[in-house]
Amino acid sequence: MDCAIHCSDEEADATLVSPQNIESWRTPLRAAEIRKHAPILNMAKDLPEGEIPPVQYHRKCRSIFTMKKLLDSIIAREDPRGETAKDTPRRSSREAPSTSRVYDEQSIFCEKASKYLRGQNTREPLTQCAELRADDRIRAAAVRKLDNRMLVVVSRDLVAAEGHYHKSCYLSYTKDHPTSGNIEGEEQGEDIQA
C-alpha cells in the first residue's frame, strides 16, 4: 500500500503508519476537506461513522499535510474577501466611548492587553487594581503630571471600575521624578554633607 497523502520526498522504504484512534483519523480528514484531497475524501465517504479506514501514510507526509499554517493559507486564498470564520469584525480606530461600568482588560497606562517584559521573551501579566492605595497613587501622579488622559481614567474609582495595569507601567508612572528646581532637596543634601 502506498502513502495516501504523499507530499514529501520521504524515502520509498520509510515505514508507513495508520491512524491509531478516531481522533488521529479526523485530523487528516479535516485537512483533506480543506485541501479537497480526493483519495481521503472518497475513503471517508464510504466509511461508517466512528470507524477508522485502512489508510497508511508517512509520518512526515501527515505532518506536512495537516500543518495548520498551510491550511490557513489555503482557506485565506479561497475566501475572496480574505476573511475566515475566526476573524473578528474590524473596528474603527476611533471607537465610540464605552458605556460599560468597568474598564476593558488592558493597561490603563499603555492601553495594551499584553506587553513583553524588557529583555525577556515572556509577557507581563495584567494586575487588577484591587487596593485603594494604588488608586490614590495613580490619581496623585496624574494630578502632579497634569496628564489629561489619565485624569479622565482616574475620575472613576479604579477599584470599582476594575482598572488593570502592567506592574512596570504602574511603577514607571507613579515613580516620583524630582524637579530641576528642587531647592529644598539641594539644601538638605548640603546639610548632610556639612
N, C-alpha and C. Protein backbone atom coordinates (compact mmCIF):
# COMPACT_ATOMS: atom_id res chain seq x y z
N MET A 1 0.85 -1.18 0.00
CA MET A 1 0.00 0.00 0.00
C MET A 1 0.90 1.24 0.00
N ASP A 2 0.49 2.27 -0.73
CA ASP A 2 1.26 3.50 -0.84
C ASP A 2 0.78 4.52 0.18
N CYS A 3 1.57 5.60 0.29
CA CYS A 3 1.22 6.72 1.16
C CYS A 3 0.02 7.44 0.56
N ALA A 4 -1.08 7.51 1.30
CA ALA A 4 -2.33 8.09 0.79
C ALA A 4 -2.27 9.61 0.67
N ILE A 5 -1.37 10.24 1.39
CA ILE A 5 -1.28 11.71 1.35
C ILE A 5 0.14 12.15 1.05
N HIS A 6 0.80 11.45 0.16
CA HIS A 6 2.22 11.69 -0.11
C HIS A 6 2.47 13.15 -0.51
N CYS A 7 3.27 13.83 0.29
CA CYS A 7 3.59 15.23 -0.03
C CYS A 7 4.97 15.61 0.47
N SER A 8 5.88 14.63 0.51
CA SER A 8 7.26 14.95 0.86
C SER A 8 8.17 14.02 0.07
N ASP A 9 9.43 14.28 0.13
CA ASP A 9 10.41 13.44 -0.56
C ASP A 9 10.88 12.32 0.35
N GLU A 10 9.96 11.77 1.09
CA GLU A 10 10.25 10.68 2.01
C GLU A 10 10.76 9.49 1.20
N GLU A 11 11.72 8.80 1.76
CA GLU A 11 12.30 7.65 1.07
C GLU A 11 11.25 6.57 0.87
N ALA A 12 11.39 5.82 -0.18
CA ALA A 12 10.42 4.78 -0.52
C ALA A 12 10.36 3.69 0.55
N ASP A 13 11.49 3.45 1.24
CA ASP A 13 11.49 2.39 2.24
C ASP A 13 11.10 2.88 3.64
N ALA A 14 10.68 4.14 3.76
CA ALA A 14 10.24 4.67 5.06
C ALA A 14 8.95 3.95 5.48
N THR A 15 8.82 3.73 6.76
CA THR A 15 7.67 2.96 7.25
C THR A 15 6.39 3.77 7.14
N LEU A 16 5.34 3.08 6.80
CA LEU A 16 4.01 3.68 6.72
C LEU A 16 3.29 3.43 8.04
N VAL A 17 2.52 4.42 8.47
CA VAL A 17 1.74 4.29 9.70
C VAL A 17 0.27 4.51 9.36
N SER A 18 -0.59 4.08 10.26
CA SER A 18 -2.02 4.29 10.06
C SER A 18 -2.60 4.92 11.33
N PRO A 19 -3.78 5.52 11.23
CA PRO A 19 -4.38 6.16 12.41
C PRO A 19 -4.63 5.15 13.52
N GLN A 20 -4.30 5.53 14.75
CA GLN A 20 -4.45 4.63 15.89
C GLN A 20 -5.83 4.73 16.54
N ASN A 21 -6.45 5.91 16.44
CA ASN A 21 -7.77 6.10 17.03
C ASN A 21 -8.58 7.05 16.14
N ILE A 22 -9.82 7.29 16.51
CA ILE A 22 -10.72 8.10 15.68
C ILE A 22 -10.23 9.54 15.56
N GLU A 23 -9.63 10.08 16.63
CA GLU A 23 -9.14 11.46 16.59
C GLU A 23 -7.94 11.59 15.65
N SER A 24 -7.06 10.58 15.66
CA SER A 24 -5.91 10.64 14.75
C SER A 24 -6.35 10.45 13.30
N TRP A 25 -7.56 9.96 13.07
CA TRP A 25 -8.11 9.88 11.72
C TRP A 25 -8.78 11.20 11.33
N ARG A 26 -9.45 11.85 12.28
CA ARG A 26 -10.18 13.09 11.98
C ARG A 26 -9.25 14.23 11.56
N THR A 27 -8.04 14.27 12.11
CA THR A 27 -7.11 15.35 11.78
C THR A 27 -6.77 15.36 10.29
N PRO A 28 -6.30 14.25 9.70
CA PRO A 28 -6.04 14.29 8.25
C PRO A 28 -7.32 14.41 7.42
N LEU A 29 -8.46 13.95 7.96
CA LEU A 29 -9.72 14.09 7.24
C LEU A 29 -10.11 15.56 7.12
N ARG A 30 -9.96 16.33 8.22
CA ARG A 30 -10.25 17.78 8.16
C ARG A 30 -9.31 18.47 7.17
N ALA A 31 -8.04 18.07 7.19
CA ALA A 31 -7.07 18.66 6.25
C ALA A 31 -7.44 18.31 4.82
N ALA A 32 -7.92 17.08 4.60
CA ALA A 32 -8.32 16.66 3.25
C ALA A 32 -9.53 17.45 2.77
N GLU A 33 -10.45 17.78 3.69
CA GLU A 33 -11.61 18.59 3.31
C GLU A 33 -11.18 19.99 2.88
N ILE A 34 -10.22 20.57 3.58
CA ILE A 34 -9.73 21.90 3.22
C ILE A 34 -8.96 21.84 1.91
N ARG A 35 -8.13 20.81 1.75
CA ARG A 35 -7.30 20.68 0.54
C ARG A 35 -8.06 20.07 -0.64
N LYS A 36 -9.27 19.55 -0.37
CA LYS A 36 -10.07 18.86 -1.39
C LYS A 36 -9.28 17.68 -1.98
N HIS A 37 -8.72 16.88 -1.09
CA HIS A 37 -7.88 15.73 -1.45
C HIS A 37 -8.79 14.52 -1.69
N ALA A 38 -9.02 14.18 -2.96
CA ALA A 38 -10.00 13.16 -3.35
C ALA A 38 -9.77 11.78 -2.73
N PRO A 39 -8.56 11.22 -2.71
CA PRO A 39 -8.41 9.86 -2.17
C PRO A 39 -8.92 9.72 -0.73
N ILE A 40 -8.60 10.67 0.12
CA ILE A 40 -9.06 10.60 1.52
C ILE A 40 -10.56 10.84 1.60
N LEU A 41 -11.06 11.82 0.85
CA LEU A 41 -12.49 12.14 0.88
C LEU A 41 -13.33 10.97 0.38
N ASN A 42 -12.88 10.30 -0.68
CA ASN A 42 -13.61 9.13 -1.20
C ASN A 42 -13.62 7.99 -0.19
N MET A 43 -12.49 7.82 0.50
CA MET A 43 -12.40 6.77 1.51
C MET A 43 -13.36 7.07 2.67
N ALA A 44 -13.45 8.33 3.07
CA ALA A 44 -14.31 8.72 4.19
C ALA A 44 -15.78 8.65 3.82
N LYS A 45 -16.09 8.88 2.54
CA LYS A 45 -17.48 8.87 2.08
C LYS A 45 -18.11 7.48 2.24
N ASP A 46 -17.34 6.45 1.99
CA ASP A 46 -17.85 5.08 2.06
C ASP A 46 -17.70 4.45 3.44
N LEU A 47 -17.22 5.21 4.41
CA LEU A 47 -16.90 4.68 5.73
C LEU A 47 -18.04 4.92 6.71
N PRO A 48 -18.45 3.91 7.50
CA PRO A 48 -19.46 4.13 8.54
C PRO A 48 -18.92 5.08 9.62
N GLU A 49 -19.81 5.80 10.27
CA GLU A 49 -19.43 6.78 11.30
C GLU A 49 -18.70 6.09 12.45
N GLY A 50 -17.58 6.68 12.88
CA GLY A 50 -16.82 6.16 14.02
C GLY A 50 -15.84 5.06 13.67
N GLU A 51 -15.72 4.71 12.41
CA GLU A 51 -14.80 3.66 12.01
C GLU A 51 -13.54 4.27 11.40
N ILE A 52 -12.41 3.61 11.60
CA ILE A 52 -11.12 4.09 11.09
C ILE A 52 -10.80 3.31 9.81
N PRO A 53 -10.48 4.00 8.71
CA PRO A 53 -10.20 3.30 7.45
C PRO A 53 -8.80 2.69 7.44
N PRO A 54 -8.57 1.78 6.53
CA PRO A 54 -7.24 1.17 6.43
C PRO A 54 -6.30 2.04 5.58
N VAL A 55 -6.13 3.28 5.99
CA VAL A 55 -5.28 4.21 5.25
C VAL A 55 -3.89 4.22 5.88
N GLN A 56 -2.87 4.40 5.03
CA GLN A 56 -1.49 4.46 5.52
C GLN A 56 -0.78 5.66 4.92
N TYR A 57 0.16 6.20 5.69
CA TYR A 57 0.92 7.37 5.24
C TYR A 57 2.22 7.46 6.02
N HIS A 58 3.15 8.24 5.47
CA HIS A 58 4.40 8.51 6.19
C HIS A 58 4.13 9.54 7.28
N ARG A 59 4.83 9.47 8.37
CA ARG A 59 4.66 10.45 9.45
C ARG A 59 4.95 11.87 8.94
N LYS A 60 6.01 12.01 8.16
CA LYS A 60 6.38 13.33 7.66
C LYS A 60 5.31 13.87 6.71
N CYS A 61 4.74 13.01 5.88
CA CYS A 61 3.67 13.43 4.96
C CYS A 61 2.46 13.91 5.76
N ARG A 62 2.09 13.18 6.81
CA ARG A 62 0.95 13.59 7.64
C ARG A 62 1.22 14.93 8.30
N SER A 63 2.44 15.11 8.76
CA SER A 63 2.80 16.36 9.42
C SER A 63 2.66 17.55 8.46
N ILE A 64 3.15 17.39 7.25
CA ILE A 64 3.05 18.47 6.25
C ILE A 64 1.60 18.65 5.82
N PHE A 65 0.88 17.55 5.60
CA PHE A 65 -0.50 17.59 5.12
C PHE A 65 -1.43 18.29 6.11
N THR A 66 -1.17 18.13 7.41
CA THR A 66 -2.06 18.70 8.43
C THR A 66 -1.51 19.97 9.06
N MET A 67 -0.45 20.55 8.50
CA MET A 67 0.16 21.75 9.08
C MET A 67 -0.83 22.91 9.07
N LYS A 68 -1.11 23.45 10.25
CA LYS A 68 -2.13 24.48 10.43
C LYS A 68 -1.84 25.73 9.59
N LYS A 69 -0.60 26.16 9.55
CA LYS A 69 -0.24 27.38 8.83
C LYS A 69 -0.56 27.23 7.33
N LEU A 70 -0.25 26.08 6.77
CA LEU A 70 -0.54 25.85 5.35
C LEU A 70 -2.05 25.77 5.11
N LEU A 71 -2.77 25.12 6.01
CA LEU A 71 -4.23 25.02 5.86
C LEU A 71 -4.89 26.39 5.95
N ASP A 72 -4.40 27.23 6.88
CA ASP A 72 -4.94 28.58 7.00
C ASP A 72 -4.69 29.40 5.74
N SER A 73 -3.52 29.21 5.12
CA SER A 73 -3.23 29.96 3.88
C SER A 73 -4.13 29.49 2.74
N ILE A 74 -4.46 28.21 2.71
CA ILE A 74 -5.38 27.70 1.68
C ILE A 74 -6.77 28.30 1.88
N ILE A 75 -7.22 28.35 3.12
CA ILE A 75 -8.53 28.94 3.42
C ILE A 75 -8.55 30.41 3.02
N ALA A 76 -7.47 31.12 3.33
CA ALA A 76 -7.39 32.55 3.00
C ALA A 76 -7.41 32.78 1.50
N ARG A 77 -6.75 31.91 0.74
CA ARG A 77 -6.73 32.05 -0.72
C ARG A 77 -8.11 31.80 -1.33
N GLU A 78 -8.86 30.86 -0.75
CA GLU A 78 -10.17 30.52 -1.30
C GLU A 78 -11.23 31.56 -0.97
N ASP A 79 -11.06 32.28 0.13
CA ASP A 79 -12.03 33.30 0.54
C ASP A 79 -11.67 34.61 -0.15
N PRO A 80 -12.49 35.10 -1.09
CA PRO A 80 -12.13 36.29 -1.85
C PRO A 80 -12.02 37.55 -0.99
N ARG A 81 -12.76 37.62 0.11
CA ARG A 81 -12.70 38.81 0.96
C ARG A 81 -11.54 38.74 1.94
N GLY A 82 -10.87 37.59 2.04
CA GLY A 82 -9.74 37.46 2.94
C GLY A 82 -10.16 37.26 4.38
N GLU A 83 -11.43 36.95 4.61
CA GLU A 83 -11.91 36.75 5.97
C GLU A 83 -12.13 35.27 6.21
N THR A 84 -11.80 34.84 7.39
CA THR A 84 -12.11 33.47 7.79
C THR A 84 -13.18 33.53 8.86
N ALA A 85 -13.73 32.40 9.18
CA ALA A 85 -14.79 32.37 10.18
C ALA A 85 -14.29 32.81 11.55
N LYS A 86 -12.98 32.65 11.79
CA LYS A 86 -12.43 33.01 13.09
C LYS A 86 -12.15 34.50 13.22
N ASP A 87 -12.09 35.22 12.09
CA ASP A 87 -11.75 36.65 12.15
C ASP A 87 -12.82 37.42 12.90
N THR A 88 -12.37 38.39 13.67
CA THR A 88 -13.29 39.27 14.36
C THR A 88 -13.60 40.44 13.44
N PRO A 89 -14.75 41.06 13.60
CA PRO A 89 -15.06 42.19 12.74
C PRO A 89 -14.09 43.33 12.99
N ARG A 90 -13.79 44.07 11.92
CA ARG A 90 -12.87 45.19 12.04
C ARG A 90 -13.53 46.31 12.81
N ARG A 91 -12.71 47.02 13.58
CA ARG A 91 -13.21 48.13 14.36
C ARG A 91 -12.58 49.42 13.85
N SER A 92 -13.27 50.47 14.05
CA SER A 92 -12.75 51.77 13.70
C SER A 92 -11.65 52.12 14.69
N SER A 93 -10.64 52.86 14.23
CA SER A 93 -9.58 53.26 15.14
C SER A 93 -10.09 54.28 16.15
N ARG A 94 -11.17 54.96 15.79
CA ARG A 94 -11.80 55.90 16.72
C ARG A 94 -13.09 55.28 17.20
N GLU A 95 -12.99 54.56 18.29
CA GLU A 95 -14.16 53.87 18.82
C GLU A 95 -15.05 54.82 19.60
N ALA A 96 -16.31 54.46 19.66
CA ALA A 96 -17.26 55.24 20.44
C ALA A 96 -16.93 55.09 21.92
N PRO A 97 -17.23 56.08 22.72
CA PRO A 97 -16.93 55.97 24.15
C PRO A 97 -17.66 54.78 24.77
N SER A 98 -17.00 54.15 25.69
CA SER A 98 -17.56 52.98 26.34
C SER A 98 -18.65 53.38 27.33
N THR A 99 -19.73 52.63 27.33
CA THR A 99 -20.79 52.86 28.30
C THR A 99 -20.72 51.80 29.40
N SER A 100 -19.67 50.99 29.35
CA SER A 100 -19.50 49.93 30.34
C SER A 100 -19.15 50.51 31.70
N ARG A 101 -19.55 49.80 32.74
CA ARG A 101 -19.25 50.23 34.10
C ARG A 101 -17.84 49.83 34.52
N VAL A 102 -17.23 48.94 33.75
CA VAL A 102 -15.86 48.52 34.05
C VAL A 102 -14.96 48.81 32.85
N TYR A 103 -13.68 49.01 33.13
CA TYR A 103 -12.72 49.25 32.06
C TYR A 103 -12.40 47.95 31.34
N ASP A 104 -11.98 48.07 30.07
CA ASP A 104 -11.56 46.89 29.31
C ASP A 104 -10.35 46.26 29.98
N GLU A 105 -10.12 44.99 29.68
CA GLU A 105 -8.99 44.30 30.28
C GLU A 105 -7.72 44.63 29.50
N GLN A 106 -7.25 45.86 29.69
CA GLN A 106 -6.00 46.34 29.12
C GLN A 106 -5.41 47.35 30.09
N SER A 107 -4.13 47.59 29.97
CA SER A 107 -3.46 48.51 30.89
C SER A 107 -4.00 49.92 30.73
N ILE A 108 -4.31 50.57 31.85
CA ILE A 108 -4.81 51.94 31.79
C ILE A 108 -3.69 52.90 31.40
N PHE A 109 -2.44 52.47 31.51
CA PHE A 109 -1.31 53.33 31.17
C PHE A 109 -0.92 53.21 29.70
N CYS A 110 -0.58 51.99 29.25
CA CYS A 110 -0.09 51.81 27.87
C CYS A 110 -1.20 51.41 26.91
N GLU A 111 -2.39 51.13 27.43
CA GLU A 111 -3.56 50.75 26.64
C GLU A 111 -3.32 49.49 25.80
N LYS A 112 -2.52 48.56 26.34
CA LYS A 112 -2.25 47.29 25.67
C LYS A 112 -2.70 46.16 26.58
N ALA A 113 -3.24 45.11 25.97
CA ALA A 113 -3.67 43.95 26.75
C ALA A 113 -2.47 43.09 27.14
N SER A 114 -1.49 43.00 26.25
CA SER A 114 -0.30 42.22 26.57
C SER A 114 0.94 43.01 26.19
N LYS A 115 1.99 42.78 26.96
CA LYS A 115 3.21 43.55 26.78
C LYS A 115 4.37 42.65 27.18
N TYR A 116 5.43 42.65 26.36
CA TYR A 116 6.60 41.87 26.70
C TYR A 116 7.45 42.61 27.72
N LEU A 117 8.01 41.87 28.66
CA LEU A 117 8.94 42.45 29.61
C LEU A 117 10.22 42.81 28.88
N ARG A 118 10.83 43.89 29.25
CA ARG A 118 12.04 44.36 28.58
C ARG A 118 13.15 43.32 28.73
N GLY A 119 13.73 42.94 27.58
CA GLY A 119 14.84 42.00 27.58
C GLY A 119 14.44 40.55 27.83
N GLN A 120 13.15 40.25 27.79
CA GLN A 120 12.71 38.88 28.03
C GLN A 120 11.69 38.47 26.97
N ASN A 121 11.49 37.18 26.86
CA ASN A 121 10.53 36.65 25.89
C ASN A 121 9.21 36.27 26.55
N THR A 122 8.94 36.81 27.73
CA THR A 122 7.69 36.49 28.41
C THR A 122 6.81 37.73 28.49
N ARG A 123 5.53 37.49 28.46
CA ARG A 123 4.58 38.60 28.55
C ARG A 123 4.34 38.96 30.01
N GLU A 124 4.15 40.25 30.23
CA GLU A 124 3.88 40.72 31.58
C GLU A 124 2.38 40.62 31.84
N PRO A 125 1.99 39.97 32.94
CA PRO A 125 0.55 39.82 33.20
C PRO A 125 -0.07 41.14 33.66
N LEU A 126 -1.35 41.28 33.40
CA LEU A 126 -2.09 42.45 33.87
C LEU A 126 -2.45 42.25 35.34
N THR A 127 -2.37 43.33 36.09
CA THR A 127 -2.76 43.32 37.50
C THR A 127 -4.02 44.14 37.63
N GLN A 128 -5.02 43.60 38.32
CA GLN A 128 -6.25 44.36 38.52
C GLN A 128 -6.09 45.25 39.74
N CYS A 129 -6.50 46.49 39.62
CA CYS A 129 -6.41 47.45 40.72
C CYS A 129 -7.38 46.99 41.81
N ALA A 130 -6.83 46.54 42.93
CA ALA A 130 -7.66 45.99 44.00
C ALA A 130 -7.53 46.76 45.30
N GLU A 131 -6.56 47.66 45.40
CA GLU A 131 -6.36 48.39 46.64
C GLU A 131 -6.56 49.88 46.40
N LEU A 132 -7.19 50.53 47.36
CA LEU A 132 -7.42 51.98 47.25
C LEU A 132 -6.11 52.75 47.27
N ARG A 133 -5.09 52.18 47.89
CA ARG A 133 -3.79 52.84 47.94
C ARG A 133 -3.22 53.00 46.52
N ALA A 134 -3.37 51.97 45.68
CA ALA A 134 -2.91 52.06 44.30
C ALA A 134 -3.72 53.11 43.54
N ASP A 135 -5.03 53.13 43.77
CA ASP A 135 -5.91 54.13 43.16
C ASP A 135 -5.44 55.53 43.53
N ASP A 136 -5.14 55.75 44.80
CA ASP A 136 -4.70 57.07 45.27
C ASP A 136 -3.36 57.47 44.66
N ARG A 137 -2.42 56.52 44.56
CA ARG A 137 -1.10 56.84 43.99
C ARG A 137 -1.22 57.19 42.51
N ILE A 138 -2.05 56.47 41.77
CA ILE A 138 -2.23 56.76 40.35
C ILE A 138 -2.89 58.13 40.18
N ARG A 139 -3.91 58.39 40.99
CA ARG A 139 -4.60 59.68 40.92
C ARG A 139 -3.64 60.83 41.24
N ALA A 140 -2.83 60.68 42.29
CA ALA A 140 -1.88 61.72 42.69
C ALA A 140 -0.84 61.96 41.59
N ALA A 141 -0.37 60.89 40.96
CA ALA A 141 0.61 61.04 39.88
C ALA A 141 -0.01 61.75 38.68
N ALA A 142 -1.26 61.43 38.35
CA ALA A 142 -1.94 62.07 37.22
C ALA A 142 -2.13 63.56 37.49
N VAL A 143 -2.49 63.92 38.72
CA VAL A 143 -2.66 65.33 39.08
C VAL A 143 -1.32 66.05 39.03
N ARG A 144 -0.28 65.41 39.59
CA ARG A 144 1.05 66.01 39.62
C ARG A 144 1.58 66.26 38.21
N LYS A 145 1.30 65.31 37.28
CA LYS A 145 1.80 65.43 35.91
C LYS A 145 0.85 66.23 35.01
N LEU A 146 -0.34 66.53 35.51
CA LEU A 146 -1.38 67.20 34.71
C LEU A 146 -1.65 66.43 33.42
N ASP A 147 -1.74 65.12 33.54
CA ASP A 147 -1.96 64.21 32.42
C ASP A 147 -3.47 64.10 32.17
N ASN A 148 -3.95 64.79 31.13
CA ASN A 148 -5.39 64.85 30.87
C ASN A 148 -6.00 63.47 30.63
N ARG A 149 -5.33 62.62 29.86
CA ARG A 149 -5.88 61.29 29.57
C ARG A 149 -6.04 60.49 30.86
N MET A 150 -5.03 60.52 31.71
CA MET A 150 -5.10 59.76 32.96
C MET A 150 -6.07 60.40 33.95
N LEU A 151 -6.22 61.71 33.90
CA LEU A 151 -7.20 62.36 34.79
C LEU A 151 -8.61 61.88 34.47
N VAL A 152 -8.88 61.64 33.18
CA VAL A 152 -10.18 61.10 32.78
C VAL A 152 -10.33 59.67 33.33
N VAL A 153 -9.26 58.88 33.23
CA VAL A 153 -9.30 57.50 33.70
C VAL A 153 -9.54 57.46 35.21
N VAL A 154 -8.81 58.30 35.97
CA VAL A 154 -8.93 58.25 37.43
C VAL A 154 -10.12 59.03 37.96
N SER A 155 -10.92 59.60 37.07
CA SER A 155 -12.13 60.28 37.52
C SER A 155 -13.12 59.26 38.09
N ARG A 156 -12.93 58.00 37.75
CA ARG A 156 -13.73 56.91 38.31
C ARG A 156 -12.89 56.16 39.33
N ASP A 157 -13.54 55.50 40.25
CA ASP A 157 -12.85 54.69 41.24
C ASP A 157 -12.26 53.48 40.51
N LEU A 158 -10.93 53.38 40.46
CA LEU A 158 -10.27 52.32 39.69
C LEU A 158 -10.55 50.93 40.25
N VAL A 159 -10.76 50.82 41.55
CA VAL A 159 -11.06 49.51 42.13
C VAL A 159 -12.44 49.06 41.69
N ALA A 160 -13.42 49.95 41.76
CA ALA A 160 -14.79 49.61 41.35
C ALA A 160 -14.89 49.41 39.85
N ALA A 161 -14.13 50.18 39.07
CA ALA A 161 -14.18 50.08 37.61
C ALA A 161 -13.27 48.98 37.08
N GLU A 162 -12.65 48.24 37.99
CA GLU A 162 -11.78 47.12 37.63
C GLU A 162 -10.70 47.54 36.64
N GLY A 163 -9.98 48.60 36.97
CA GLY A 163 -8.87 49.04 36.14
C GLY A 163 -7.72 48.05 36.21
N HIS A 164 -7.06 47.82 35.08
CA HIS A 164 -5.93 46.90 35.01
C HIS A 164 -4.69 47.68 34.61
N TYR A 165 -3.53 47.14 34.98
CA TYR A 165 -2.28 47.76 34.58
C TYR A 165 -1.17 46.73 34.63
N HIS A 166 -0.10 47.00 33.88
CA HIS A 166 1.11 46.19 33.99
C HIS A 166 1.92 46.76 35.14
N LYS A 167 2.55 45.92 35.89
CA LYS A 167 3.31 46.38 37.06
C LYS A 167 4.39 47.38 36.64
N SER A 168 5.06 47.11 35.51
CA SER A 168 6.12 48.02 35.06
C SER A 168 5.54 49.38 34.67
N CYS A 169 4.35 49.39 34.07
CA CYS A 169 3.70 50.66 33.71
C CYS A 169 3.34 51.44 34.97
N TYR A 170 2.81 50.73 35.97
CA TYR A 170 2.43 51.36 37.23
C TYR A 170 3.64 51.98 37.92
N LEU A 171 4.73 51.20 38.01
CA LEU A 171 5.93 51.70 38.68
C LEU A 171 6.51 52.90 37.95
N SER A 172 6.53 52.82 36.63
CA SER A 172 7.08 53.92 35.83
C SER A 172 6.23 55.18 35.98
N TYR A 173 4.91 55.03 35.99
CA TYR A 173 4.02 56.19 36.03
C TYR A 173 4.00 56.83 37.41
N THR A 174 4.04 56.03 38.45
CA THR A 174 3.91 56.58 39.81
C THR A 174 5.25 56.92 40.45
N LYS A 175 6.35 56.67 39.74
CA LYS A 175 7.67 56.99 40.28
C LYS A 175 7.79 58.50 40.44
N ASP A 176 8.30 58.94 41.58
CA ASP A 176 8.50 60.37 41.82
C ASP A 176 9.74 60.82 41.08
N HIS A 177 9.55 61.73 40.13
CA HIS A 177 10.67 62.32 39.40
C HIS A 177 10.98 63.66 40.03
N PRO A 178 12.18 63.86 40.59
CA PRO A 178 12.49 65.16 41.19
C PRO A 178 12.56 66.24 40.12
N THR A 179 12.03 67.39 40.45
CA THR A 179 12.07 68.51 39.51
C THR A 179 13.42 69.18 39.59
N SER A 180 13.81 69.88 38.53
CA SER A 180 15.12 70.51 38.48
C SER A 180 15.22 71.68 39.44
N GLY A 181 14.09 72.29 39.81
CA GLY A 181 14.11 73.45 40.70
C GLY A 181 13.87 73.06 42.14
N ASN A 182 14.29 71.88 42.54
CA ASN A 182 14.05 71.39 43.89
C ASN A 182 15.11 71.96 44.84
N ILE A 183 14.89 73.16 45.32
CA ILE A 183 15.85 73.85 46.17
C ILE A 183 15.93 73.17 47.53
N GLU A 184 14.80 72.73 48.06
CA GLU A 184 14.79 72.10 49.38
C GLU A 184 15.66 70.85 49.38
N GLY A 185 15.56 70.05 48.32
CA GLY A 185 16.36 68.83 48.23
C GLY A 185 17.84 69.15 48.18
N GLU A 186 18.21 70.22 47.46
CA GLU A 186 19.61 70.60 47.37
C GLU A 186 20.12 71.07 48.72
N GLU A 187 19.30 71.85 49.43
CA GLU A 187 19.71 72.35 50.74
C GLU A 187 19.87 71.19 51.72
N GLN A 188 18.97 70.21 51.64
CA GLN A 188 19.07 69.07 52.54
C GLN A 188 20.35 68.29 52.25
N GLY A 189 20.69 68.17 50.98
CA GLY A 189 21.92 67.48 50.61
C GLY A 189 23.14 68.19 51.17
N GLU A 190 23.13 69.54 51.17
CA GLU A 190 24.25 70.30 51.71
C GLU A 190 24.35 70.12 53.21
N ASP A 191 23.19 70.06 53.89
CA ASP A 191 23.19 69.88 55.33
C ASP A 191 23.80 68.54 55.72
N ILE A 192 23.52 67.53 54.92
CA ILE A 192 24.03 66.20 55.23
C ILE A 192 25.54 66.17 55.08
N GLN A 193 26.06 66.85 54.05
CA GLN A 193 27.50 66.84 53.80
C GLN A 193 28.25 67.65 54.85
N ALA A 194 27.63 68.68 55.41
CA ALA A 194 28.33 69.58 56.34
C ALA A 194 28.60 68.97 57.67
